[in-house]
Amino acid sequence: MSHDHDSDSPVLSVGERDADLSQCLSDGLDAVNFPATGTTAADQTSLSVKVVDAAGEVVAGLTGWTWGGLFGIDMVWVREDSRRDGWGSKLLLAAEEEARRRGCDRACVSSFTFQAPGFYQRHGYVETGRTLGFPGGAEDVHMYKSFDMSA
């Protein structure tokens, strides 16, 4: 089936990751989100914590962001041969400390049921909801933590 298109008509396309599109969407959402939340681009920063061994290889790492008093954790990973060495807790505590230094008083994270929801719960995170339907019967557990700012 073919369609006649006016040369000035918008065109829909589907594809893989598109860095230019992601930046365009981010800019468009910022134009809505900043006025709605009373924040600015200066309130939005990235955060990372990294552990490397003597050879310069990554042992463990955490990436996230801070925005308007909220610390969001994107990814945490510890190399398999180092998973019993406490690096996960050290990463999380260092990231939370930096988030507090930046003025954050709360944090959020999601973790699949086959990953580490129990780890976060042991560190004071509470479940706020789940997204169902992931492969293998997994669920994405959403968690939240309020920081004690007097610490």
N, C-alpha and C. Protein backbone atom coordinates (compact mmCIF):
# COMPACT_ATOMS: atom_id res chain seq x y z
N MET A 1 0.85 -1.17 0.00
CA MET A 1 0.00 0.00 0.00
C MET A 1 0.90 1.23 0.00
N SER A 2 0.60 2.17 -0.83
CA SER A 2 1.39 3.40 -0.87
C SER A 2 0.50 4.57 -0.48
N HIS A 3 1.14 5.58 -0.01
CA HIS A 3 0.43 6.79 0.40
C HIS A 3 1.06 7.98 -0.29
N ASP A 4 0.21 8.85 -0.77
CA ASP A 4 0.72 10.10 -1.33
C ASP A 4 0.98 11.03 -0.16
N HIS A 5 2.18 11.58 -0.09
CA HIS A 5 2.53 12.48 1.01
C HIS A 5 2.83 13.85 0.45
N ASP A 6 2.26 14.81 1.07
CA ASP A 6 2.61 16.20 0.80
C ASP A 6 4.06 16.36 1.23
N SER A 7 4.89 17.00 0.45
CA SER A 7 6.31 17.13 0.77
C SER A 7 6.55 17.88 2.08
N ASP A 8 5.55 18.62 2.56
CA ASP A 8 5.69 19.35 3.83
C ASP A 8 5.12 18.58 5.00
N SER A 9 4.64 17.36 4.78
CA SER A 9 4.04 16.58 5.85
C SER A 9 5.11 15.98 6.75
N PRO A 10 4.84 15.90 8.05
CA PRO A 10 5.76 15.19 8.94
C PRO A 10 5.87 13.72 8.53
N VAL A 11 7.01 13.12 8.76
CA VAL A 11 7.26 11.73 8.40
C VAL A 11 7.63 10.96 9.67
N LEU A 12 6.96 9.85 9.91
CA LEU A 12 7.24 9.00 11.05
C LEU A 12 8.26 7.95 10.64
N SER A 13 9.28 7.74 11.49
CA SER A 13 10.25 6.69 11.21
C SER A 13 10.56 5.93 12.49
N VAL A 14 10.93 4.68 12.35
CA VAL A 14 11.26 3.81 13.47
C VAL A 14 12.67 3.29 13.25
N GLY A 15 13.48 3.25 14.31
CA GLY A 15 14.85 2.78 14.15
C GLY A 15 15.49 2.46 15.48
N GLU A 16 16.80 2.41 15.47
CA GLU A 16 17.59 2.15 16.67
C GLU A 16 17.83 3.45 17.42
N ARG A 17 18.66 3.38 18.45
CA ARG A 17 18.98 4.56 19.26
C ARG A 17 19.46 5.70 18.35
N ASP A 18 18.99 6.89 18.67
CA ASP A 18 19.28 8.07 17.87
C ASP A 18 19.73 9.18 18.83
N ALA A 19 21.03 9.44 18.90
CA ALA A 19 21.58 10.41 19.84
C ALA A 19 21.00 11.81 19.61
N ASP A 20 20.83 12.20 18.37
CA ASP A 20 20.26 13.52 18.07
C ASP A 20 18.82 13.61 18.56
N LEU A 21 18.05 12.56 18.34
CA LEU A 21 16.67 12.54 18.82
C LEU A 21 16.63 12.60 20.34
N SER A 22 17.50 11.83 21.00
CA SER A 22 17.53 11.84 22.47
C SER A 22 17.83 13.25 22.99
N GLN A 23 18.76 13.95 22.37
CA GLN A 23 19.08 15.31 22.80
C GLN A 23 17.90 16.26 22.55
N CYS A 24 17.24 16.10 21.41
CA CYS A 24 16.09 16.93 21.09
C CYS A 24 14.97 16.72 22.11
N LEU A 25 14.71 15.45 22.46
CA LEU A 25 13.67 15.15 23.45
C LEU A 25 14.05 15.68 24.82
N SER A 26 15.31 15.52 25.20
CA SER A 26 15.77 16.03 26.49
C SER A 26 15.60 17.54 26.57
N ASP A 27 15.99 18.23 25.52
CA ASP A 27 15.83 19.69 25.49
C ASP A 27 14.36 20.08 25.57
N GLY A 28 13.50 19.37 24.84
CA GLY A 28 12.07 19.67 24.86
C GLY A 28 11.45 19.42 26.23
N LEU A 29 11.85 18.32 26.86
CA LEU A 29 11.33 18.03 28.21
C LEU A 29 11.86 19.02 29.23
N ASP A 30 13.12 19.41 29.11
CA ASP A 30 13.67 20.42 30.02
C ASP A 30 12.87 21.71 29.94
N ALA A 31 12.44 22.09 28.74
CA ALA A 31 11.67 23.32 28.56
C ALA A 31 10.34 23.26 29.29
N VAL A 32 9.82 22.05 29.50
CA VAL A 32 8.57 21.87 30.25
C VAL A 32 8.86 21.65 31.74
N ASN A 33 9.84 20.77 32.02
CA ASN A 33 10.10 20.35 33.40
C ASN A 33 10.67 21.46 34.28
N PHE A 34 11.60 22.24 33.78
CA PHE A 34 12.22 23.27 34.62
C PHE A 34 11.20 24.28 35.13
N PRO A 35 10.38 24.87 34.27
CA PRO A 35 9.38 25.81 34.80
C PRO A 35 8.36 25.14 35.74
N ALA A 36 8.01 23.89 35.44
CA ALA A 36 7.01 23.19 36.27
C ALA A 36 7.55 22.85 37.65
N THR A 37 8.87 22.67 37.77
CA THR A 37 9.46 22.26 39.05
C THR A 37 10.24 23.37 39.74
N GLY A 38 10.38 24.51 39.09
CA GLY A 38 11.16 25.60 39.67
C GLY A 38 12.65 25.32 39.70
N THR A 39 13.12 24.43 38.82
CA THR A 39 14.54 24.10 38.75
C THR A 39 15.12 24.63 37.44
N THR A 40 16.44 24.51 37.32
CA THR A 40 17.13 24.93 36.11
C THR A 40 18.12 23.84 35.71
N ALA A 41 18.76 24.02 34.59
CA ALA A 41 19.77 23.07 34.14
C ALA A 41 20.90 22.95 35.16
N ALA A 42 21.16 24.02 35.91
CA ALA A 42 22.22 24.00 36.93
C ALA A 42 21.88 23.04 38.07
N ASP A 43 20.61 22.71 38.25
CA ASP A 43 20.18 21.79 39.31
C ASP A 43 20.30 20.33 38.89
N GLN A 44 20.68 20.08 37.67
CA GLN A 44 20.69 18.73 37.10
C GLN A 44 22.13 18.34 36.78
N THR A 45 22.66 17.36 37.54
CA THR A 45 24.04 16.95 37.33
C THR A 45 24.16 15.44 37.36
N SER A 46 25.23 14.94 36.76
CA SER A 46 25.49 13.51 36.79
C SER A 46 26.39 13.20 37.98
N LEU A 47 26.44 11.93 38.35
CA LEU A 47 27.24 11.50 39.49
C LEU A 47 27.78 10.12 39.18
N SER A 48 29.05 9.88 39.49
CA SER A 48 29.62 8.55 39.30
C SER A 48 30.60 8.24 40.41
N VAL A 49 30.72 6.96 40.72
CA VAL A 49 31.68 6.45 41.69
C VAL A 49 32.32 5.23 41.03
N LYS A 50 33.65 5.16 41.06
CA LYS A 50 34.34 4.08 40.36
C LYS A 50 35.45 3.51 41.24
N VAL A 51 35.62 2.19 41.16
CA VAL A 51 36.71 1.48 41.82
C VAL A 51 37.52 0.80 40.73
N VAL A 52 38.85 1.02 40.74
CA VAL A 52 39.72 0.36 39.77
C VAL A 52 40.81 -0.42 40.52
N ASP A 53 41.27 -1.48 39.90
CA ASP A 53 42.34 -2.28 40.51
C ASP A 53 43.71 -1.73 40.08
N ALA A 54 44.78 -2.38 40.53
CA ALA A 54 46.14 -1.93 40.25
C ALA A 54 46.44 -1.88 38.76
N ALA A 55 45.75 -2.69 37.96
CA ALA A 55 45.95 -2.70 36.51
C ALA A 55 45.10 -1.65 35.79
N GLY A 56 44.31 -0.90 36.56
CA GLY A 56 43.44 0.11 35.96
C GLY A 56 42.13 -0.42 35.45
N GLU A 57 41.83 -1.70 35.73
CA GLU A 57 40.57 -2.31 35.31
C GLU A 57 39.46 -1.96 36.29
N VAL A 58 38.27 -1.76 35.79
CA VAL A 58 37.13 -1.42 36.65
C VAL A 58 36.74 -2.64 37.49
N VAL A 59 36.68 -2.43 38.79
CA VAL A 59 36.24 -3.44 39.75
C VAL A 59 34.76 -3.25 40.03
N ALA A 60 34.35 -1.99 40.13
CA ALA A 60 32.96 -1.69 40.47
C ALA A 60 32.65 -0.25 40.09
N GLY A 61 31.37 0.04 39.91
CA GLY A 61 31.00 1.41 39.60
C GLY A 61 29.53 1.67 39.82
N LEU A 62 29.22 2.95 39.94
CA LEU A 62 27.85 3.42 40.12
C LEU A 62 27.70 4.68 39.29
N THR A 63 26.61 4.80 38.55
CA THR A 63 26.28 6.04 37.86
C THR A 63 24.89 6.49 38.28
N GLY A 64 24.69 7.78 38.27
CA GLY A 64 23.39 8.33 38.65
C GLY A 64 23.34 9.81 38.32
N TRP A 65 22.42 10.48 38.98
CA TRP A 65 22.19 11.89 38.72
C TRP A 65 21.60 12.55 39.96
N THR A 66 21.71 13.85 40.03
CA THR A 66 21.03 14.62 41.06
C THR A 66 20.22 15.71 40.38
N TRP A 67 19.06 15.97 40.93
CA TRP A 67 18.19 17.00 40.36
C TRP A 67 17.20 17.45 41.41
N GLY A 68 17.24 18.71 41.75
CA GLY A 68 16.25 19.29 42.64
C GLY A 68 16.12 18.56 43.98
N GLY A 69 17.22 18.14 44.56
CA GLY A 69 17.19 17.47 45.86
C GLY A 69 17.00 15.97 45.82
N LEU A 70 16.89 15.40 44.62
CA LEU A 70 16.70 13.96 44.46
C LEU A 70 17.95 13.35 43.83
N PHE A 71 18.40 12.23 44.41
CA PHE A 71 19.51 11.46 43.86
C PHE A 71 18.91 10.22 43.20
N GLY A 72 19.17 10.04 41.91
CA GLY A 72 18.69 8.87 41.19
C GLY A 72 19.85 7.97 40.79
N ILE A 73 19.72 6.70 41.09
CA ILE A 73 20.75 5.73 40.74
C ILE A 73 20.36 5.09 39.41
N ASP A 74 21.27 5.17 38.43
CA ASP A 74 21.02 4.55 37.13
C ASP A 74 21.53 3.11 37.11
N MET A 75 22.84 2.95 37.36
CA MET A 75 23.44 1.62 37.26
C MET A 75 24.46 1.41 38.37
N VAL A 76 24.50 0.17 38.88
CA VAL A 76 25.52 -0.26 39.83
C VAL A 76 25.99 -1.63 39.37
N TRP A 77 27.31 -1.81 39.33
CA TRP A 77 27.86 -3.10 38.92
C TRP A 77 29.14 -3.36 39.69
N VAL A 78 29.32 -4.61 40.12
CA VAL A 78 30.54 -5.05 40.77
C VAL A 78 31.03 -6.29 40.03
N ARG A 79 32.30 -6.28 39.66
CA ARG A 79 32.90 -7.42 38.97
C ARG A 79 32.70 -8.68 39.80
N GLU A 80 32.40 -9.78 39.13
CA GLU A 80 32.04 -11.03 39.81
C GLU A 80 33.05 -11.46 40.86
N ASP A 81 34.34 -11.35 40.57
CA ASP A 81 35.34 -11.82 41.54
C ASP A 81 35.51 -10.89 42.75
N SER A 82 34.77 -9.78 42.76
CA SER A 82 34.85 -8.83 43.87
C SER A 82 33.53 -8.62 44.59
N ARG A 83 32.54 -9.44 44.29
CA ARG A 83 31.19 -9.22 44.83
C ARG A 83 31.04 -9.49 46.31
N ARG A 84 31.98 -10.16 46.93
CA ARG A 84 31.89 -10.42 48.37
C ARG A 84 32.83 -9.51 49.16
N ASP A 85 33.37 -8.47 48.50
CA ASP A 85 34.35 -7.60 49.14
C ASP A 85 33.76 -6.30 49.68
N GLY A 86 32.43 -6.14 49.62
CA GLY A 86 31.79 -4.95 50.17
C GLY A 86 31.78 -3.74 49.27
N TRP A 87 32.18 -3.91 48.00
CA TRP A 87 32.24 -2.76 47.10
C TRP A 87 30.88 -2.15 46.81
N GLY A 88 29.83 -2.95 46.74
CA GLY A 88 28.50 -2.40 46.49
C GLY A 88 28.11 -1.41 47.57
N SER A 89 28.30 -1.79 48.82
CA SER A 89 27.97 -0.89 49.94
C SER A 89 28.86 0.34 49.92
N LYS A 90 30.15 0.16 49.64
CA LYS A 90 31.06 1.30 49.61
C LYS A 90 30.68 2.28 48.51
N LEU A 91 30.30 1.76 47.33
CA LEU A 91 29.85 2.61 46.23
C LEU A 91 28.61 3.40 46.63
N LEU A 92 27.63 2.68 47.17
CA LEU A 92 26.36 3.30 47.52
C LEU A 92 26.55 4.37 48.59
N LEU A 93 27.31 4.06 49.62
CA LEU A 93 27.52 5.04 50.69
C LEU A 93 28.28 6.26 50.18
N ALA A 94 29.27 6.07 49.33
CA ALA A 94 30.01 7.20 48.77
C ALA A 94 29.10 8.07 47.89
N ALA A 95 28.26 7.42 47.09
CA ALA A 95 27.34 8.17 46.22
C ALA A 95 26.31 8.93 47.05
N GLU A 96 25.76 8.29 48.07
CA GLU A 96 24.79 8.97 48.93
C GLU A 96 25.43 10.16 49.64
N GLU A 97 26.66 9.99 50.09
CA GLU A 97 27.37 11.10 50.75
C GLU A 97 27.55 12.28 49.80
N GLU A 98 27.93 11.98 48.55
CA GLU A 98 28.09 13.04 47.56
C GLU A 98 26.74 13.69 47.25
N ALA A 99 25.70 12.88 47.15
CA ALA A 99 24.36 13.43 46.89
C ALA A 99 23.94 14.38 48.03
N ARG A 100 24.19 13.99 49.27
CA ARG A 100 23.88 14.86 50.40
C ARG A 100 24.69 16.17 50.31
N ARG A 101 25.97 16.04 49.94
CA ARG A 101 26.81 17.22 49.79
C ARG A 101 26.22 18.18 48.75
N ARG A 102 25.57 17.62 47.75
CA ARG A 102 24.93 18.42 46.70
C ARG A 102 23.55 18.93 47.11
N GLY A 103 23.12 18.60 48.31
CA GLY A 103 21.84 19.09 48.81
C GLY A 103 20.68 18.14 48.65
N CYS A 104 20.93 16.91 48.27
CA CYS A 104 19.85 15.94 48.11
C CYS A 104 19.42 15.41 49.48
N ASP A 105 18.12 15.23 49.64
CA ASP A 105 17.60 14.68 50.89
C ASP A 105 16.82 13.38 50.67
N ARG A 106 16.90 12.86 49.43
CA ARG A 106 16.20 11.62 49.12
C ARG A 106 16.84 10.96 47.89
N ALA A 107 16.56 9.66 47.71
CA ALA A 107 17.14 8.91 46.60
C ALA A 107 16.12 7.93 46.04
N CYS A 108 16.32 7.54 44.79
CA CYS A 108 15.46 6.54 44.18
C CYS A 108 16.30 5.60 43.30
N VAL A 109 15.81 4.38 43.15
CA VAL A 109 16.50 3.37 42.36
C VAL A 109 15.49 2.32 41.94
N SER A 110 15.76 1.64 40.84
CA SER A 110 14.99 0.47 40.42
C SER A 110 15.95 -0.68 40.26
N SER A 111 15.52 -1.88 40.65
CA SER A 111 16.36 -3.06 40.55
C SER A 111 15.49 -4.25 40.20
N PHE A 112 15.91 -5.01 39.20
CA PHE A 112 15.14 -6.21 38.85
C PHE A 112 15.17 -7.21 40.00
N THR A 113 14.13 -8.02 40.07
CA THR A 113 14.04 -9.01 41.15
C THR A 113 15.22 -9.97 41.12
N PHE A 114 15.84 -10.21 39.98
CA PHE A 114 17.00 -11.11 39.92
C PHE A 114 18.31 -10.38 40.20
N GLN A 115 18.23 -9.07 40.47
CA GLN A 115 19.43 -8.30 40.76
C GLN A 115 19.57 -8.07 42.27
N ALA A 116 19.27 -6.87 42.74
CA ALA A 116 19.65 -6.53 44.11
C ALA A 116 18.62 -5.75 44.93
N PRO A 117 17.32 -6.02 44.82
CA PRO A 117 16.41 -5.24 45.66
C PRO A 117 16.69 -5.42 47.15
N GLY A 118 17.08 -6.61 47.56
CA GLY A 118 17.39 -6.84 48.98
C GLY A 118 18.58 -6.02 49.45
N PHE A 119 19.56 -5.83 48.59
CA PHE A 119 20.73 -5.00 48.91
C PHE A 119 20.28 -3.58 49.24
N TYR A 120 19.44 -3.01 48.40
CA TYR A 120 18.97 -1.64 48.64
C TYR A 120 18.10 -1.57 49.89
N GLN A 121 17.26 -2.56 50.09
CA GLN A 121 16.42 -2.57 51.30
C GLN A 121 17.28 -2.62 52.55
N ARG A 122 18.38 -3.39 52.53
CA ARG A 122 19.28 -3.43 53.68
C ARG A 122 19.94 -2.07 53.93
N HIS A 123 19.96 -1.22 52.91
CA HIS A 123 20.54 0.11 53.05
C HIS A 123 19.46 1.19 53.24
N GLY A 124 18.28 0.79 53.65
CA GLY A 124 17.24 1.75 54.02
C GLY A 124 16.27 2.15 52.94
N TYR A 125 16.34 1.55 51.77
CA TYR A 125 15.41 1.86 50.69
C TYR A 125 14.12 1.08 50.90
N VAL A 126 13.00 1.70 50.59
CA VAL A 126 11.70 1.03 50.72
C VAL A 126 11.05 0.93 49.34
N GLU A 127 10.37 -0.16 49.14
CA GLU A 127 9.70 -0.39 47.86
C GLU A 127 8.52 0.56 47.71
N THR A 128 8.42 1.16 46.52
CA THR A 128 7.29 2.05 46.23
C THR A 128 6.40 1.52 45.11
N GLY A 129 6.86 0.46 44.42
CA GLY A 129 6.05 -0.12 43.36
C GLY A 129 6.88 -1.08 42.53
N ARG A 130 6.18 -1.73 41.59
CA ARG A 130 6.84 -2.70 40.70
C ARG A 130 6.28 -2.58 39.30
N THR A 131 7.15 -2.82 38.34
CA THR A 131 6.74 -2.95 36.95
C THR A 131 6.86 -4.43 36.60
N LEU A 132 5.76 -5.00 36.14
CA LEU A 132 5.69 -6.43 35.84
C LEU A 132 5.98 -6.68 34.37
N GLY A 133 6.19 -7.95 34.04
CA GLY A 133 6.24 -8.36 32.64
C GLY A 133 7.61 -8.40 32.00
N PHE A 134 8.66 -8.46 32.77
CA PHE A 134 9.99 -8.58 32.19
C PHE A 134 10.28 -10.04 31.86
N PRO A 135 11.20 -10.27 30.94
CA PRO A 135 11.53 -11.65 30.55
C PRO A 135 11.90 -12.50 31.77
N GLY A 136 11.54 -13.78 31.69
CA GLY A 136 11.85 -14.72 32.76
C GLY A 136 10.99 -14.55 33.99
N GLY A 137 9.90 -13.80 33.88
CA GLY A 137 9.02 -13.58 35.03
C GLY A 137 9.56 -12.55 36.02
N ALA A 138 10.57 -11.80 35.63
CA ALA A 138 11.16 -10.80 36.52
C ALA A 138 10.26 -9.58 36.67
N GLU A 139 10.51 -8.84 37.74
CA GLU A 139 9.83 -7.58 37.99
C GLU A 139 10.88 -6.51 38.26
N ASP A 140 10.55 -5.27 37.96
CA ASP A 140 11.43 -4.15 38.26
C ASP A 140 10.91 -3.50 39.53
N VAL A 141 11.70 -3.55 40.59
CA VAL A 141 11.30 -3.06 41.90
C VAL A 141 11.78 -1.62 42.05
N HIS A 142 10.86 -0.69 42.28
CA HIS A 142 11.16 0.73 42.43
C HIS A 142 11.27 1.04 43.92
N MET A 143 12.35 1.73 44.30
CA MET A 143 12.60 2.00 45.72
C MET A 143 12.97 3.46 45.95
N TYR A 144 12.82 3.88 47.20
CA TYR A 144 13.00 5.26 47.61
C TYR A 144 13.62 5.28 49.00
N LYS A 145 14.42 6.30 49.26
CA LYS A 145 15.04 6.47 50.58
C LYS A 145 15.09 7.95 50.92
N SER A 146 14.70 8.29 52.13
CA SER A 146 14.90 9.64 52.64
C SER A 146 16.20 9.67 53.41
N PHE A 147 17.00 10.71 53.21
CA PHE A 147 18.27 10.84 53.92
C PHE A 147 18.06 11.57 55.23
N ASP A 148 18.79 11.14 56.23
CA ASP A 148 18.87 11.86 57.48
C ASP A 148 19.90 12.97 57.26
N MET A 149 19.44 14.20 57.11
CA MET A 149 20.35 15.28 56.76
C MET A 149 21.18 15.75 57.95
N SER A 150 20.90 15.25 59.15
CA SER A 150 21.70 15.64 60.32
C SER A 150 22.96 14.81 60.43
N ALA A 151 23.03 13.72 59.60
CA ALA A 151 24.21 12.83 59.67
C ALA A 151 25.41 13.41 58.98
